[in-house]
Amino acid sequence: MNKPLTYDELMALALKHYSKGGDNFYECWNEKTFDEYTREFGPMTKEKALEMFRLNLAIWNEYQATVW
């Protein structure tokens, strides 16, 4: 099993991947959001976080392609 991340570890990872989809998490998530996520979906792991960053970036890119 992958090691669960703490809120601070998630924020550090999001900052490291800021331009690769981590920006939304770094700018918008707080500890309450993190706690709600982990209660509903289980521990946040590095793998889950990176997948969420990739999805966030893909959604943003799709939005940009259709709006502009």
PDB file of N, CA and C in Angstrom:
ATOM      1  N   MET A   1       0.835  -1.189   0.000  1.00  0.00           N
ATOM      2  CA  MET A   1       0.000   0.000   0.000  1.00  0.00           C
ATOM      3  C   MET A   1       0.877   1.248   0.000  1.00  0.00           C
ATOM      4  N   ASN A   2       0.423   2.254  -0.704  1.00  0.00           N
ATOM      5  CA  ASN A   2       1.169   3.502  -0.783  1.00  0.00           C
ATOM      6  C   ASN A   2       0.978   4.317   0.490  1.00  0.00           C
ATOM      7  N   LYS A   3       2.023   5.027   0.864  1.00  0.00           N
ATOM      8  CA  LYS A   3       2.005   5.823   2.086  1.00  0.00           C
ATOM      9  C   LYS A   3       1.029   7.000   1.950  1.00  0.00           C
ATOM     10  N   PRO A   4       0.110   7.153   2.906  1.00  0.00           N
ATOM     11  CA  PRO A   4      -0.792   8.305   2.865  1.00  0.00           C
ATOM     12  C   PRO A   4      -0.026   9.610   3.069  1.00  0.00           C
ATOM     13  N   LEU A   5      -0.457  10.633   2.361  1.00  0.00           N
ATOM     14  CA  LEU A   5       0.147  11.949   2.496  1.00  0.00           C
ATOM     15  C   LEU A   5      -0.569  12.751   3.579  1.00  0.00           C
ATOM     16  N   THR A   6       0.170  13.597   4.236  1.00  0.00           N
ATOM     17  CA  THR A   6      -0.438  14.579   5.125  1.00  0.00           C
ATOM     18  C   THR A   6      -0.845  15.784   4.274  1.00  0.00           C
ATOM     19  N   TYR A   7      -1.596  16.679   4.855  1.00  0.00           N
ATOM     20  CA  TYR A   7      -1.982  17.903   4.152  1.00  0.00           C
ATOM     21  C   TYR A   7      -0.731  18.666   3.695  1.00  0.00           C
ATOM     22  N   ASP A   8       0.241  18.826   4.582  1.00  0.00           N
ATOM     23  CA  ASP A   8       1.463  19.572   4.229  1.00  0.00           C
ATOM     24  C   ASP A   8       2.235  18.886   3.102  1.00  0.00           C
ATOM     25  N   GLU A   9       2.271  17.568   3.108  1.00  0.00           N
ATOM     26  CA  GLU A   9       2.946  16.842   2.027  1.00  0.00           C
ATOM     27  C   GLU A   9       2.208  17.025   0.703  1.00  0.00           C
ATOM     28  N   LEU A  10       0.870  17.020   0.748  1.00  0.00           N
ATOM     29  CA  LEU A  10       0.100  17.266  -0.469  1.00  0.00           C
ATOM     30  C   LEU A  10       0.368  18.662  -1.008  1.00  0.00           C
ATOM     31  N   MET A  11       0.413  19.652  -0.129  1.00  0.00           N
ATOM     32  CA  MET A  11       0.662  21.024  -0.578  1.00  0.00           C
ATOM     33  C   MET A  11       2.059  21.157  -1.181  1.00  0.00           C
ATOM     34  N   ALA A  12       3.042  20.489  -0.606  1.00  0.00           N
ATOM     35  CA  ALA A  12       4.403  20.522  -1.159  1.00  0.00           C
ATOM     36  C   ALA A  12       4.427  19.863  -2.541  1.00  0.00           C
ATOM     37  N   LEU A  13       3.714  18.753  -2.699  1.00  0.00           N
ATOM     38  CA  LEU A  13       3.647  18.063  -3.984  1.00  0.00           C
ATOM     39  C   LEU A  13       2.906  18.924  -5.008  1.00  0.00           C
ATOM     40  N   ALA A  14       1.825  19.560  -4.589  1.00  0.00           N
ATOM     41  CA  ALA A  14       1.055  20.427  -5.486  1.00  0.00           C
ATOM     42  C   ALA A  14       1.914  21.613  -5.943  1.00  0.00           C
ATOM     43  N   LEU A  15       2.691  22.176  -5.045  1.00  0.00           N
ATOM     44  CA  LEU A  15       3.568  23.292  -5.416  1.00  0.00           C
ATOM     45  C   LEU A  15       4.635  22.820  -6.402  1.00  0.00           C
ATOM     46  N   LYS A  16       5.180  21.647  -6.166  1.00  0.00           N
ATOM     47  CA  LYS A  16       6.192  21.080  -7.065  1.00  0.00           C
ATOM     48  C   LYS A  16       5.618  20.856  -8.467  1.00  0.00           C
ATOM     49  N   HIS A  17       4.333  20.514  -8.546  1.00  0.00           N
ATOM     50  CA  HIS A  17       3.655  20.241  -9.822  1.00  0.00           C
ATOM     51  C   HIS A  17       2.658  21.352 -10.168  1.00  0.00           C
ATOM     52  N   TYR A  18       2.977  22.542  -9.729  1.00  0.00           N
ATOM     53  CA  TYR A  18       2.066  23.684  -9.866  1.00  0.00           C
ATOM     54  C   TYR A  18       1.596  23.880 -11.304  1.00  0.00           C
ATOM     55  N   SER A  19       2.509  23.875 -12.246  1.00  0.00           N
ATOM     56  CA  SER A  19       2.141  24.115 -13.649  1.00  0.00           C
ATOM     57  C   SER A  19       1.676  22.848 -14.364  1.00  0.00           C
ATOM     58  N   LYS A  20       1.587  21.760 -13.626  1.00  0.00           N
ATOM     59  CA  LYS A  20       1.150  20.488 -14.204  1.00  0.00           C
ATOM     60  C   LYS A  20      -0.151  20.021 -13.552  1.00  0.00           C
ATOM     61  N   GLY A  21      -0.986  20.972 -13.131  1.00  0.00           N
ATOM     62  CA  GLY A  21      -2.278  20.641 -12.542  1.00  0.00           C
ATOM     63  C   GLY A  21      -2.346  20.759 -11.034  1.00  0.00           C
ATOM     64  N   GLY A  22      -1.228  20.984 -10.385  1.00  0.00           N
ATOM     65  CA  GLY A  22      -1.233  21.121  -8.928  1.00  0.00           C
ATOM     66  C   GLY A  22      -1.689  22.479  -8.447  1.00  0.00           C
ATOM     67  N   ASP A  23      -1.757  23.444  -9.370  1.00  0.00           N
ATOM     68  CA  ASP A  23      -2.111  24.813  -8.986  1.00  0.00           C
ATOM     69  C   ASP A  23      -3.456  24.905  -8.285  1.00  0.00           C
ATOM     70  N   ASN A  24      -4.451  24.217  -8.814  1.00  0.00           N
ATOM     71  CA  ASN A  24      -5.790  24.268  -8.216  1.00  0.00           C
ATOM     72  C   ASN A  24      -5.773  23.754  -6.790  1.00  0.00           C
ATOM     73  N   PHE A  25      -5.045  22.713  -6.549  1.00  0.00           N
ATOM     74  CA  PHE A  25      -4.973  22.146  -5.212  1.00  0.00           C
ATOM     75  C   PHE A  25      -4.196  23.072  -4.286  1.00  0.00           C
ATOM     76  N   TYR A  26      -3.090  23.611  -4.770  1.00  0.00           N
ATOM     77  CA  TYR A  26      -2.276  24.488  -3.944  1.00  0.00           C
ATOM     78  C   TYR A  26      -3.036  25.767  -3.594  1.00  0.00           C
ATOM     79  N   GLU A  27      -3.757  26.307  -4.556  1.00  0.00           N
ATOM     80  CA  GLU A  27      -4.459  27.573  -4.351  1.00  0.00           C
ATOM     81  C   GLU A  27      -5.804  27.411  -3.640  1.00  0.00           C
ATOM     82  N   CYS A  28      -6.471  26.275  -3.832  1.00  0.00           N
ATOM     83  CA  CYS A  28      -7.865  26.154  -3.385  1.00  0.00           C
ATOM     84  C   CYS A  28      -8.105  25.197  -2.222  1.00  0.00           C
ATOM     85  N   TRP A  29      -7.264  24.216  -2.054  1.00  0.00           N
ATOM     86  CA  TRP A  29      -7.499  23.252  -0.975  1.00  0.00           C
ATOM     87  C   TRP A  29      -6.958  23.798   0.336  1.00  0.00           C
ATOM     88  N   ASN A  30      -7.728  23.576   1.395  1.00  0.00           N
ATOM     89  CA  ASN A  30      -7.249  23.862   2.742  1.00  0.00           C
ATOM     90  C   ASN A  30      -7.340  22.561   3.539  1.00  0.00           C
ATOM     91  N   GLU A  31      -6.984  22.616   4.806  1.00  0.00           N
ATOM     92  CA  GLU A  31      -6.988  21.379   5.589  1.00  0.00           C
ATOM     93  C   GLU A  31      -8.388  20.779   5.703  1.00  0.00           C
ATOM     94  N   LYS A  32      -9.416  21.610   5.751  1.00  0.00           N
ATOM     95  CA  LYS A  32     -10.787  21.104   5.826  1.00  0.00           C
ATOM     96  C   LYS A  32     -11.141  20.324   4.550  1.00  0.00           C
ATOM     97  N   THR A  33     -10.782  20.869   3.389  1.00  0.00           N
ATOM     98  CA  THR A  33     -11.037  20.178   2.123  1.00  0.00           C
ATOM     99  C   THR A  33     -10.299  18.849   2.100  1.00  0.00           C
ATOM    100  N   PHE A  34      -9.062  18.868   2.521  1.00  0.00           N
ATOM    101  CA  PHE A  34      -8.257  17.646   2.577  1.00  0.00           C
ATOM    102  C   PHE A  34      -8.899  16.613   3.490  1.00  0.00           C
ATOM    103  N   ASP A  35      -9.324  17.043   4.671  1.00  0.00           N
ATOM    104  CA  ASP A  35      -9.955  16.123   5.627  1.00  0.00           C
ATOM    105  C   ASP A  35     -11.252  15.554   5.063  1.00  0.00           C
ATOM    106  N   GLU A  36     -12.050  16.383   4.403  1.00  0.00           N
ATOM    107  CA  GLU A  36     -13.299  15.909   3.803  1.00  0.00           C
ATOM    108  C   GLU A  36     -13.014  14.885   2.702  1.00  0.00           C
ATOM    109  N   TYR A  37     -11.991  15.159   1.889  1.00  0.00           N
ATOM    110  CA  TYR A  37     -11.616  14.222   0.831  1.00  0.00           C
ATOM    111  C   TYR A  37     -11.232  12.873   1.431  1.00  0.00           C
ATOM    112  N   THR A  38     -10.378  12.892   2.436  1.00  0.00           N
ATOM    113  CA  THR A  38      -9.895  11.624   2.991  1.00  0.00           C
ATOM    114  C   THR A  38     -11.003  10.861   3.714  1.00  0.00           C
ATOM    115  N   ARG A  39     -11.948  11.564   4.314  1.00  0.00           N
ATOM    116  CA  ARG A  39     -13.085  10.870   4.934  1.00  0.00           C
ATOM    117  C   ARG A  39     -13.940  10.181   3.876  1.00  0.00           C
ATOM    118  N   GLU A  40     -14.126  10.847   2.748  1.00  0.00           N
ATOM    119  CA  GLU A  40     -15.003  10.293   1.716  1.00  0.00           C
ATOM    120  C   GLU A  40     -14.316   9.261   0.816  1.00  0.00           C
ATOM    121  N   PHE A  41     -13.051   9.504   0.471  1.00  0.00           N
ATOM    122  CA  PHE A  41     -12.384   8.669  -0.528  1.00  0.00           C
ATOM    123  C   PHE A  41     -11.194   7.879  -0.004  1.00  0.00           C
ATOM    124  N   GLY A  42     -10.863   8.030   1.245  1.00  0.00           N
ATOM    125  CA  GLY A  42      -9.722   7.315   1.799  1.00  0.00           C
ATOM    126  C   GLY A  42      -8.455   8.152   1.737  1.00  0.00           C
ATOM    127  N   PRO A  43      -7.366   7.583   2.174  1.00  0.00           N
ATOM    128  CA  PRO A  43      -6.109   8.331   2.251  1.00  0.00           C
ATOM    129  C   PRO A  43      -5.672   8.887   0.897  1.00  0.00           C
ATOM    130  N   MET A  44      -5.091  10.067   0.947  1.00  0.00           N
ATOM    131  CA  MET A  44      -4.498  10.674  -0.245  1.00  0.00           C
ATOM    132  C   MET A  44      -3.080  10.137  -0.350  1.00  0.00           C
ATOM    133  N   THR A  45      -2.777   9.532  -1.470  1.00  0.00           N
ATOM    134  CA  THR A  45      -1.424   9.035  -1.714  1.00  0.00           C
ATOM    135  C   THR A  45      -0.791   9.892  -2.812  1.00  0.00           C
ATOM    136  N   LYS A  46       0.495   9.743  -2.972  1.00  0.00           N
ATOM    137  CA  LYS A  46       1.196  10.468  -4.027  1.00  0.00           C
ATOM    138  C   LYS A  46       0.618  10.097  -5.389  1.00  0.00           C
ATOM    139  N   GLU A  47       0.352   8.826  -5.583  1.00  0.00           N
ATOM    140  CA  GLU A  47      -0.185   8.369  -6.865  1.00  0.00           C
ATOM    141  C   GLU A  47      -1.557   8.981  -7.142  1.00  0.00           C
ATOM    142  N   LYS A  48      -2.440   8.997  -6.135  1.00  0.00           N
ATOM    143  CA  LYS A  48      -3.759   9.624  -6.301  1.00  0.00           C
ATOM    144  C   LYS A  48      -3.618  11.100  -6.607  1.00  0.00           C
ATOM    145  N   ALA A  49      -2.745  11.767  -5.868  1.00  0.00           N
ATOM    146  CA  ALA A  49      -2.558  13.202  -6.060  1.00  0.00           C
ATOM    147  C   ALA A  49      -2.067  13.503  -7.475  1.00  0.00           C
ATOM    148  N   LEU A  50      -1.075  12.770  -7.947  1.00  0.00           N
ATOM    149  CA  LEU A  50      -0.551  13.014  -9.289  1.00  0.00           C
ATOM    150  C   LEU A  50      -1.610  12.761 -10.356  1.00  0.00           C
ATOM    151  N   GLU A  51      -2.436  11.741 -10.154  1.00  0.00           N
ATOM    152  CA  GLU A  51      -3.521  11.475 -11.095  1.00  0.00           C
ATOM    153  C   GLU A  51      -4.541  12.614 -11.070  1.00  0.00           C
ATOM    154  N   MET A  52      -4.838  13.128  -9.896  1.00  0.00           N
ATOM    155  CA  MET A  52      -5.766  14.259  -9.792  1.00  0.00           C
ATOM    156  C   MET A  52      -5.179  15.505 -10.450  1.00  0.00           C
ATOM    157  N   PHE A  53      -3.888  15.728 -10.303  1.00  0.00           N
ATOM    158  CA  PHE A  53      -3.243  16.856 -10.969  1.00  0.00           C
ATOM    159  C   PHE A  53      -3.360  16.709 -12.482  1.00  0.00           C
ATOM    160  N   ARG A  54      -3.087  15.496 -12.988  1.00  0.00           N
ATOM    161  CA  ARG A  54      -3.176  15.255 -14.436  1.00  0.00           C
ATOM    162  C   ARG A  54      -4.597  15.498 -14.943  1.00  0.00           C
ATOM    163  N   LEU A  55      -5.576  15.026 -14.204  1.00  0.00           N
ATOM    164  CA  LEU A  55      -6.970  15.234 -14.587  1.00  0.00           C
ATOM    165  C   LEU A  55      -7.322  16.718 -14.563  1.00  0.00           C
ATOM    166  N   ASN A  56      -6.905  17.414 -13.542  1.00  0.00           N
ATOM    167  CA  ASN A  56      -7.156  18.846 -13.432  1.00  0.00           C
ATOM    168  C   ASN A  56      -6.557  19.594 -14.620  1.00  0.00           C
ATOM    169  N   LEU A  57      -5.344  19.249 -14.996  1.00  0.00           N
ATOM    170  CA  LEU A  57      -4.691  19.888 -16.133  1.00  0.00           C
ATOM    171  C   LEU A  57      -5.413  19.558 -17.436  1.00  0.00           C
ATOM    172  N   ALA A  58      -5.831  18.320 -17.601  1.00  0.00           N
ATOM    173  CA  ALA A  58      -6.556  17.920 -18.816  1.00  0.00           C
ATOM    174  C   ALA A  58      -7.876  18.681 -18.935  1.00  0.00           C
ATOM    175  N   ILE A  59      -8.588  18.836 -17.826  1.00  0.00           N
ATOM    176  CA  ILE A  59      -9.846  19.592 -17.839  1.00  0.00           C
ATOM    177  C   ILE A  59      -9.575  21.050 -18.200  1.00  0.00           C
ATOM    178  N   TRP A  60      -8.545  21.625 -17.613  1.00  0.00           N
ATOM    179  CA  TRP A  60      -8.198  23.019 -17.911  1.00  0.00           C
ATOM    180  C   TRP A  60      -7.816  23.189 -19.381  1.00  0.00           C
ATOM    181  N   ASN A  61      -7.033  22.268 -19.907  1.00  0.00           N
ATOM    182  CA  ASN A  61      -6.632  22.343 -21.316  1.00  0.00           C
ATOM    183  C   ASN A  61      -7.835  22.215 -22.241  1.00  0.00           C
ATOM    184  N   GLU A  62      -8.758  21.331 -21.900  1.00  0.00           N
ATOM    185  CA  GLU A  62      -9.980  21.170 -22.696  1.00  0.00           C
ATOM    186  C   GLU A  62     -10.822  22.448 -22.655  1.00  0.00           C
ATOM    187  N   TYR A  63     -10.928  23.014 -21.495  1.00  0.00           N
ATOM    188  CA  TYR A  63     -11.656  24.284 -21.339  1.00  0.00           C
ATOM    189  C   TYR A  63     -11.017  25.372 -22.200  1.00  0.00           C
ATOM    190  N   GLN A  64      -9.711  25.494 -22.122  1.00  0.00           N
ATOM    191  CA  GLN A  64      -9.001  26.510 -22.900  1.00  0.00           C
ATOM    192  C   GLN A  64      -9.203  26.308 -24.398  1.00  0.00           C
ATOM    193  N   ALA A  65      -9.210  25.074 -24.831  1.00  0.00           N
ATOM    194  CA  ALA A  65      -9.369  24.767 -26.256  1.00  0.00           C
ATOM    195  C   ALA A  65     -10.754  25.124 -26.765  1.00  0.00           C
ATOM    196  N   THR A  66     -11.756  25.037 -25.900  1.00  0.00           N
ATOM    197  CA  THR A  66     -13.125  25.295 -26.354  1.00  0.00           C
ATOM    198  C   THR A  66     -13.557  26.734 -26.148  1.00  0.00           C
ATOM    199  N   VAL A  67     -12.969  27.417 -25.200  1.00  0.00           N
ATOM    200  CA  VAL A  67     -13.391  28.788 -24.897  1.00  0.00           C
ATOM    201  C   VAL A  67     -12.692  29.798 -25.787  1.00  0.00           C
ATOM    202  N   TRP A  68     -11.426  29.614 -26.028  1.00  0.00           N
ATOM    203  CA  TRP A  68     -10.670  30.625 -26.769  1.00  0.00           C
ATOM    204  C   TRP A  68     -10.702  30.254 -28.209  1.00  0.00           C
TER     205      TRP A  68
END
